[in-house]
Amino acid sequence: MKLLIVEDNRDLLENILKYLEREGYRCETAVDYDEAFDKIMSYTYDVVLIDIMIPKGDGLQVLRELKSVNPETGTIIISAKNSLDDKVTGLELGADDYLTKPFQLPELQARIKAVNRRNNLGGSEIVRANEISINTKTREVLVNDDLVDVTPKEYDLLLYFASNKNRVLSKQNIAEHLWGDYVDHLENLDFVYQHIKNLRKKLVEAGANDYIESVYSIGYKFKGNGS
């Protein structure tokens, strides 16, 4: 996946860049409006991350220009401004998501994957894994069209599993996805097992098969088909 990161805070830009490149993304950067404009006019990207407050212009104008030439490009606004007006304006201009600083890098990656997945599915906001449906817009989980009451962490865990079907995920991977950098302060990862146990129980009680498989001494794998 090829990304453009439009961000003028050098430290944050470097942290995002290192993390996403370590996760296998191809990344380019822009630190002001002029550089961002040149890149979106010259190249195509799968997802563009855009800070609203950038030198020499406005991140929202970058978004306008991007959508005028490549409307199918996934876009996520990242900004320290927790302003409803900015959020509404960005979404009305075609942004796919909005993330307020400060944020955890694993959460940013999850948002990037969700935006790219929706675009690859022709705009669909539903992720399916056999009889399980996950609505990435409303953050609802259904089994055979019946709503399942899951916690925010259980939702994040299920979406992470469903986005990585048939791939072994270590406890460390799961912990970092759920808790970000905070996981470094934890004495153990027992909470991972507890979240998985609770999620399994709710899905099975709702009528789903148990697709979460324990992989001895490594972690877990979600067995399933579907888009």
C-alpha atoms as a PDB file:
ATOM      1  CA  MET A   1       0.000   0.000   0.000  1.00  0.00           C
ATOM      2  CA  LYS A   2       1.371   3.423  -0.965  1.00  0.00           C
ATOM      3  CA  LEU A   3       0.720   6.319   1.420  1.00  0.00           C
ATOM      4  CA  LEU A   4       1.291  10.073   1.497  1.00  0.00           C
ATOM      5  CA  ILE A   5       1.678  11.666   4.929  1.00  0.00           C
ATOM      6  CA  VAL A   6       1.020  15.426   5.030  1.00  0.00           C
ATOM      7  CA  GLU A   7       2.277  16.601   8.427  1.00  0.00           C
ATOM      8  CA  ASP A   8       4.472  19.547   9.469  1.00  0.00           C
ATOM      9  CA  ASN A   9       5.379  18.295  12.964  1.00  0.00           C
ATOM     10  CA  ARG A  10       8.751  16.706  12.199  1.00  0.00           C
ATOM     11  CA  ASP A  11       8.848  14.469  15.278  1.00  0.00           C
ATOM     12  CA  LEU A  12       5.346  13.118  14.704  1.00  0.00           C
ATOM     13  CA  LEU A  13       6.019  12.712  10.991  1.00  0.00           C
ATOM     14  CA  GLU A  14       9.163  10.713  11.717  1.00  0.00           C
ATOM     15  CA  ASN A  15       7.346   8.486  14.223  1.00  0.00           C
ATOM     16  CA  ILE A  16       4.486   7.788  11.801  1.00  0.00           C
ATOM     17  CA  LEU A  17       6.906   7.177   8.947  1.00  0.00           C
ATOM     18  CA  LYS A  18       9.093   4.725  10.873  1.00  0.00           C
ATOM     19  CA  TYR A  19       6.111   2.808  12.238  1.00  0.00           C
ATOM     20  CA  LEU A  20       4.279   2.449   8.926  1.00  0.00           C
ATOM     21  CA  GLU A  21       7.411   1.539   6.973  1.00  0.00           C
ATOM     22  CA  ARG A  22       8.205  -1.099   9.585  1.00  0.00           C
ATOM     23  CA  GLU A  23       4.691  -2.474   8.988  1.00  0.00           C
ATOM     24  CA  GLY A  24       5.404  -2.788   5.268  1.00  0.00           C
ATOM     25  CA  TYR A  25       3.854   0.385   3.820  1.00  0.00           C
ATOM     26  CA  ARG A  26       5.510   2.509   1.124  1.00  0.00           C
ATOM     27  CA  CYS A  27       5.376   6.081   2.377  1.00  0.00           C
ATOM     28  CA  GLU A  28       6.042   9.539   0.983  1.00  0.00           C
ATOM     29  CA  THR A  29       5.838  12.755   2.980  1.00  0.00           C
ATOM     30  CA  ALA A  30       4.978  16.428   2.614  1.00  0.00           C
ATOM     31  CA  VAL A  31       5.505  19.119   5.260  1.00  0.00           C
ATOM     32  CA  ASP A  32       3.573  22.033   3.731  1.00  0.00           C
ATOM     33  CA  TYR A  33       0.792  22.835   1.274  1.00  0.00           C
ATOM     34  CA  ASP A  34       3.033  23.392  -1.748  1.00  0.00           C
ATOM     35  CA  GLU A  35       4.818  20.052  -1.339  1.00  0.00           C
ATOM     36  CA  ALA A  36       1.549  18.217  -0.725  1.00  0.00           C
ATOM     37  CA  PHE A  37      -0.069  19.830  -3.782  1.00  0.00           C
ATOM     38  CA  ASP A  38       2.862  18.869  -6.030  1.00  0.00           C
ATOM     39  CA  LYS A  39       2.729  15.244  -4.878  1.00  0.00           C
ATOM     40  CA  ILE A  40      -1.014  14.685  -5.188  1.00  0.00           C
ATOM     41  CA  MET A  41      -0.915  16.206  -8.672  1.00  0.00           C
ATOM     42  CA  SER A  42       2.055  14.080  -9.750  1.00  0.00           C
ATOM     43  CA  TYR A  43       1.422  10.689  -8.132  1.00  0.00           C
ATOM     44  CA  THR A  44      -1.400   8.423  -7.009  1.00  0.00           C
ATOM     45  CA  TYR A  45      -1.722   6.931  -3.530  1.00  0.00           C
ATOM     46  CA  ASP A  46      -3.898   4.328  -1.834  1.00  0.00           C
ATOM     47  CA  VAL A  47      -4.393   6.471   1.269  1.00  0.00           C
ATOM     48  CA  VAL A  48      -3.398  10.060   2.105  1.00  0.00           C
ATOM     49  CA  LEU A  49      -3.084  11.293   5.706  1.00  0.00           C
ATOM     50  CA  ILE A  50      -3.688  15.048   5.918  1.00  0.00           C
ATOM     51  CA  ASP A  51      -3.054  17.378   8.853  1.00  0.00           C
ATOM     52  CA  ILE A  52      -5.402  20.370   8.763  1.00  0.00           C
ATOM     53  CA  MET A  53      -2.886  22.911  10.114  1.00  0.00           C
ATOM     54  CA  ILE A  54       0.062  23.006   7.699  1.00  0.00           C
ATOM     55  CA  PRO A  55       2.344  25.840   6.536  1.00  0.00           C
ATOM     56  CA  LYS A  56       1.665  27.766   3.308  1.00  0.00           C
ATOM     57  CA  GLY A  57      -1.969  26.716   3.176  1.00  0.00           C
ATOM     58  CA  ASP A  58      -4.742  24.554   4.543  1.00  0.00           C
ATOM     59  CA  GLY A  59      -5.013  20.781   4.803  1.00  0.00           C
ATOM     60  CA  LEU A  60      -8.671  20.974   3.843  1.00  0.00           C
ATOM     61  CA  GLN A  61      -7.654  22.635   0.575  1.00  0.00           C
ATOM     62  CA  VAL A  62      -5.238  19.751  -0.036  1.00  0.00           C
ATOM     63  CA  LEU A  63      -8.225  17.449   0.445  1.00  0.00           C
ATOM     64  CA  ARG A  64     -10.293  19.481  -2.057  1.00  0.00           C
ATOM     65  CA  GLU A  65      -7.541  19.340  -4.662  1.00  0.00           C
ATOM     66  CA  LEU A  66      -6.972  15.611  -4.110  1.00  0.00           C
ATOM     67  CA  LYS A  67     -10.643  14.742  -4.501  1.00  0.00           C
ATOM     68  CA  SER A  68     -10.821  16.832  -7.690  1.00  0.00           C
ATOM     69  CA  VAL A  69      -8.147  14.716  -9.413  1.00  0.00           C
ATOM     70  CA  ASN A  70      -8.339  11.342  -7.654  1.00  0.00           C
ATOM     71  CA  PRO A  71     -11.698  11.071  -5.866  1.00  0.00           C
ATOM     72  CA  GLU A  72     -11.204   7.343  -5.211  1.00  0.00           C
ATOM     73  CA  THR A  73      -8.117   7.907  -3.024  1.00  0.00           C
ATOM     74  CA  GLY A  74      -8.663   7.044   0.637  1.00  0.00           C
ATOM     75  CA  THR A  75      -8.172  10.029   2.948  1.00  0.00           C
ATOM     76  CA  ILE A  76      -7.800  10.415   6.709  1.00  0.00           C
ATOM     77  CA  ILE A  77      -7.653  13.824   8.378  1.00  0.00           C
ATOM     78  CA  ILE A  78      -5.248  13.963  11.317  1.00  0.00           C
ATOM     79  CA  SER A  79      -5.380  17.080  13.457  1.00  0.00           C
ATOM     80  CA  ALA A  80      -4.929  18.411  16.968  1.00  0.00           C
ATOM     81  CA  LYS A  81      -8.063  20.482  16.480  1.00  0.00           C
ATOM     82  CA  ASN A  82     -10.953  18.597  18.024  1.00  0.00           C
ATOM     83  CA  SER A  83     -13.390  20.838  16.197  1.00  0.00           C
ATOM     84  CA  LEU A  84     -16.763  19.561  15.069  1.00  0.00           C
ATOM     85  CA  ASP A  85     -16.820  22.108  12.229  1.00  0.00           C
ATOM     86  CA  ASP A  86     -13.481  20.898  10.861  1.00  0.00           C
ATOM     87  CA  LYS A  87     -14.570  17.281  11.140  1.00  0.00           C
ATOM     88  CA  VAL A  88     -17.873  17.917   9.377  1.00  0.00           C
ATOM     89  CA  THR A  89     -16.192  19.995   6.664  1.00  0.00           C
ATOM     90  CA  GLY A  90     -13.578  17.321   6.055  1.00  0.00           C
ATOM     91  CA  LEU A  91     -16.139  14.544   5.811  1.00  0.00           C
ATOM     92  CA  GLU A  92     -18.334  16.639   3.516  1.00  0.00           C
ATOM     93  CA  LEU A  93     -15.314  17.190   1.268  1.00  0.00           C
ATOM     94  CA  GLY A  94     -14.910  13.437   0.952  1.00  0.00           C
ATOM     95  CA  ALA A  95     -12.553  12.428   3.771  1.00  0.00           C
ATOM     96  CA  ASP A  96     -13.050   8.803   4.780  1.00  0.00           C
ATOM     97  CA  ASP A  97     -12.063   9.214   8.415  1.00  0.00           C
ATOM     98  CA  TYR A  98     -10.917  11.738  11.029  1.00  0.00           C
ATOM     99  CA  LEU A  99      -8.352  11.071  13.749  1.00  0.00           C
ATOM    100  CA  THR A 100      -7.666  13.567  16.546  1.00  0.00           C
ATOM    101  CA  LYS A 101      -4.174  13.962  18.008  1.00  0.00           C
ATOM    102  CA  PRO A 102      -2.763  12.498  20.111  1.00  0.00           C
ATOM    103  CA  PHE A 103      -3.420   8.992  18.815  1.00  0.00           C
ATOM    104  CA  GLN A 104      -1.790   5.590  19.053  1.00  0.00           C
ATOM    105  CA  LEU A 105       0.051   4.441  15.946  1.00  0.00           C
ATOM    106  CA  PRO A 106      -1.642   0.995  15.925  1.00  0.00           C
ATOM    107  CA  GLU A 107      -4.998   2.824  15.858  1.00  0.00           C
ATOM    108  CA  LEU A 108      -3.816   4.878  12.879  1.00  0.00           C
ATOM    109  CA  GLN A 109      -2.802   1.698  11.093  1.00  0.00           C
ATOM    110  CA  ALA A 110      -6.206   0.133  11.817  1.00  0.00           C
ATOM    111  CA  ARG A 111      -7.931   3.199  10.349  1.00  0.00           C
ATOM    112  CA  ILE A 112      -5.704   3.054   7.255  1.00  0.00           C
ATOM    113  CA  LYS A 113      -6.562  -0.612   6.737  1.00  0.00           C
ATOM    114  CA  ALA A 114     -10.280   0.057   7.201  1.00  0.00           C
ATOM    115  CA  VAL A 115     -10.288   2.928   4.689  1.00  0.00           C
ATOM    116  CA  ASN A 116      -8.317   0.943   2.136  1.00  0.00           C
ATOM    117  CA  ARG A 117     -10.508  -2.113   2.637  1.00  0.00           C
ATOM    118  CA  ARG A 118     -13.694  -0.089   2.077  1.00  0.00           C
ATOM    119  CA  ASN A 119     -12.251   1.386  -1.098  1.00  0.00           C
ATOM    120  CA  ASN A 120     -11.178  -2.020  -2.368  1.00  0.00           C
ATOM    121  CA  LEU A 121     -14.677  -3.310  -1.681  1.00  0.00           C
ATOM    122  CA  GLY A 122     -16.175  -0.585  -3.844  1.00  0.00           C
ATOM    123  CA  GLY A 123     -17.113   1.612  -0.911  1.00  0.00           C
ATOM    124  CA  SER A 124     -18.591  -1.161   1.198  1.00  0.00           C
ATOM    125  CA  GLU A 125     -18.447  -0.569   4.930  1.00  0.00           C
ATOM    126  CA  ILE A 126     -19.230  -4.197   5.768  1.00  0.00           C
ATOM    127  CA  VAL A 127     -16.548  -6.766   6.513  1.00  0.00           C
ATOM    128  CA  ARG A 128     -17.876 -10.326   6.345  1.00  0.00           C
ATOM    129  CA  ALA A 129     -16.454 -13.464   7.875  1.00  0.00           C
ATOM    130  CA  ASN A 130     -18.878 -16.293   7.157  1.00  0.00           C
ATOM    131  CA  GLU A 131     -22.031 -15.609   9.200  1.00  0.00           C
ATOM    132  CA  ILE A 132     -20.392 -12.679  11.014  1.00  0.00           C
ATOM    133  CA  SER A 133     -20.792  -9.140   9.662  1.00  0.00           C
ATOM    134  CA  ILE A 134     -18.831  -6.138  10.920  1.00  0.00           C
ATOM    135  CA  ASN A 135     -20.067  -2.650  10.081  1.00  0.00           C
ATOM    136  CA  THR A 136     -16.977  -0.420  10.126  1.00  0.00           C
ATOM    137  CA  LYS A 137     -19.061   2.768  10.062  1.00  0.00           C
ATOM    138  CA  THR A 138     -21.463   2.043  12.918  1.00  0.00           C
ATOM    139  CA  ARG A 139     -19.001  -0.298  14.710  1.00  0.00           C
ATOM    140  CA  GLU A 140     -21.717  -2.930  15.000  1.00  0.00           C
ATOM    141  CA  VAL A 141     -21.299  -6.708  14.896  1.00  0.00           C
ATOM    142  CA  LEU A 142     -24.020  -9.029  13.620  1.00  0.00           C
ATOM    143  CA  VAL A 143     -24.313 -12.798  13.511  1.00  0.00           C
ATOM    144  CA  ASN A 144     -26.890 -13.976  10.973  1.00  0.00           C
ATOM    145  CA  ASP A 145     -28.319 -10.429  10.990  1.00  0.00           C
ATOM    146  CA  ASP A 146     -28.728 -10.401  14.792  1.00  0.00           C
ATOM    147  CA  LEU A 147     -26.897  -7.653  16.667  1.00  0.00           C
ATOM    148  CA  VAL A 148     -24.205  -8.784  19.117  1.00  0.00           C
ATOM    149  CA  ASP A 149     -23.446  -6.586  22.131  1.00  0.00           C
ATOM    150  CA  VAL A 150     -19.657  -6.214  22.088  1.00  0.00           C
ATOM    151  CA  THR A 151     -17.406  -3.780  23.922  1.00  0.00           C
ATOM    152  CA  PRO A 152     -15.211  -1.336  21.954  1.00  0.00           C
ATOM    153  CA  LYS A 153     -12.145  -3.507  22.610  1.00  0.00           C
ATOM    154  CA  GLU A 154     -13.997  -6.662  21.532  1.00  0.00           C
ATOM    155  CA  TYR A 155     -15.058  -4.888  18.332  1.00  0.00           C
ATOM    156  CA  ASP A 156     -11.468  -3.816  17.626  1.00  0.00           C
ATOM    157  CA  LEU A 157     -10.267  -7.344  18.337  1.00  0.00           C
ATOM    158  CA  LEU A 158     -12.812  -8.965  16.018  1.00  0.00           C
ATOM    159  CA  LEU A 159     -12.089  -6.502  13.196  1.00  0.00           C
ATOM    160  CA  TYR A 160      -8.366  -7.144  13.636  1.00  0.00           C
ATOM    161  CA  PHE A 161      -8.944 -10.897  13.401  1.00  0.00           C
ATOM    162  CA  ALA A 162     -11.300 -10.592  10.425  1.00  0.00           C
ATOM    163  CA  SER A 163      -8.832  -8.342   8.613  1.00  0.00           C
ATOM    164  CA  ASN A 164      -6.101 -10.934   9.113  1.00  0.00           C
ATOM    165  CA  LYS A 165      -7.995 -14.158   8.428  1.00  0.00           C
ATOM    166  CA  ASN A 166      -5.908 -17.348   8.477  1.00  0.00           C
ATOM    167  CA  ARG A 167      -2.858 -15.431   9.692  1.00  0.00           C
ATOM    168  CA  VAL A 168      -1.282 -16.265  13.047  1.00  0.00           C
ATOM    169  CA  LEU A 169      -1.274 -13.221  15.339  1.00  0.00           C
ATOM    170  CA  SER A 170       0.966 -13.242  18.383  1.00  0.00           C
ATOM    171  CA  LYS A 171      -0.259 -12.100  21.770  1.00  0.00           C
ATOM    172  CA  GLN A 172       2.137  -9.171  21.451  1.00  0.00           C
ATOM    173  CA  ASN A 173       0.619  -8.162  18.091  1.00  0.00           C
ATOM    174  CA  ILE A 174      -2.873  -8.295  19.550  1.00  0.00           C
ATOM    175  CA  ALA A 175      -1.878  -6.418  22.708  1.00  0.00           C
ATOM    176  CA  GLU A 176      -0.209  -3.634  20.731  1.00  0.00           C
ATOM    177  CA  HIS A 177      -3.234  -3.362  18.452  1.00  0.00           C
ATOM    178  CA  LEU A 178      -5.630  -3.047  21.391  1.00  0.00           C
ATOM    179  CA  TRP A 179      -3.550  -0.886  23.714  1.00  0.00           C
ATOM    180  CA  GLY A 180      -0.789   0.704  21.648  1.00  0.00           C
ATOM    181  CA  ASP A 181       2.335   1.892  23.453  1.00  0.00           C
ATOM    182  CA  TYR A 182       0.631   1.427  26.831  1.00  0.00           C
ATOM    183  CA  VAL A 183       1.294  -2.294  26.522  1.00  0.00           C
ATOM    184  CA  ASP A 184       4.951  -1.630  27.438  1.00  0.00           C
ATOM    185  CA  HIS A 185       3.831  -0.795  30.981  1.00  0.00           C
ATOM    186  CA  LEU A 186       1.886  -4.007  31.524  1.00  0.00           C
ATOM    187  CA  GLU A 187       3.316  -6.835  33.604  1.00  0.00           C
ATOM    188  CA  ASN A 188       1.786  -9.535  31.397  1.00  0.00           C
ATOM    189  CA  LEU A 189      -0.546 -10.097  28.465  1.00  0.00           C
ATOM    190  CA  ASP A 190      -3.215 -12.098  30.288  1.00  0.00           C
ATOM    191  CA  PHE A 191      -5.832  -9.545  29.284  1.00  0.00           C
ATOM    192  CA  VAL A 192      -5.499 -10.720  25.662  1.00  0.00           C
ATOM    193  CA  TYR A 193      -6.784 -14.174  26.596  1.00  0.00           C
ATOM    194  CA  GLN A 194      -9.647 -12.664  28.597  1.00  0.00           C
ATOM    195  CA  HIS A 195     -10.784 -10.431  25.719  1.00  0.00           C
ATOM    196  CA  ILE A 196     -10.646 -13.359  23.299  1.00  0.00           C
ATOM    197  CA  LYS A 197     -12.531 -15.603  25.721  1.00  0.00           C
ATOM    198  CA  ASN A 198     -15.302 -13.020  26.128  1.00  0.00           C
ATOM    199  CA  LEU A 199     -15.531 -12.355  22.389  1.00  0.00           C
ATOM    200  CA  ARG A 200     -15.687 -16.072  21.598  1.00  0.00           C
ATOM    201  CA  LYS A 201     -18.472 -16.601  24.101  1.00  0.00           C
ATOM    202  CA  LYS A 202     -20.601 -13.772  22.733  1.00  0.00           C
ATOM    203  CA  LEU A 203     -20.210 -14.868  19.117  1.00  0.00           C
ATOM    204  CA  VAL A 204     -20.960 -18.529  19.828  1.00  0.00           C
ATOM    205  CA  GLU A 205     -23.978 -17.661  21.981  1.00  0.00           C
ATOM    206  CA  ALA A 206     -25.259 -15.510  19.089  1.00  0.00           C
ATOM    207  CA  GLY A 207     -25.088 -18.531  16.767  1.00  0.00           C
ATOM    208  CA  ALA A 208     -21.665 -18.218  15.156  1.00  0.00           C
ATOM    209  CA  ASN A 209     -19.133 -21.001  14.840  1.00  0.00           C
ATOM    210  CA  ASP A 210     -15.920 -20.599  16.809  1.00  0.00           C
ATOM    211  CA  TYR A 211     -13.366 -19.419  14.265  1.00  0.00           C
ATOM    212  CA  ILE A 212     -10.685 -18.286  16.745  1.00  0.00           C
ATOM    213  CA  GLU A 213      -8.026 -20.966  16.990  1.00  0.00           C
ATOM    214  CA  SER A 214      -5.266 -21.052  19.595  1.00  0.00           C
ATOM    215  CA  VAL A 215      -1.813 -21.630  18.129  1.00  0.00           C
ATOM    216  CA  TYR A 216       0.288 -23.220  20.841  1.00  0.00           C
ATOM    217  CA  SER A 217       2.999 -20.973  22.307  1.00  0.00           C
ATOM    218  CA  ILE A 218       2.501 -18.361  19.554  1.00  0.00           C
ATOM    219  CA  GLY A 219      -0.923 -16.745  19.594  1.00  0.00           C
ATOM    220  CA  TYR A 220      -4.205 -17.016  17.738  1.00  0.00           C
ATOM    221  CA  LYS A 221      -5.621 -17.398  14.239  1.00  0.00           C
ATOM    222  CA  PHE A 222      -9.039 -16.530  12.850  1.00  0.00           C
ATOM    223  CA  LYS A 223     -10.201 -19.213  10.424  1.00  0.00           C
ATOM    224  CA  GLY A 224     -12.732 -17.997   7.929  1.00  0.00           C
ATOM    225  CA  ASN A 225     -13.695 -16.964   4.444  1.00  0.00           C
ATOM    226  CA  GLY A 226     -15.618 -14.020   3.110  1.00  0.00           C
ATOM    227  CA  SER A 227     -14.708 -10.454   2.180  1.00  0.00           C
END
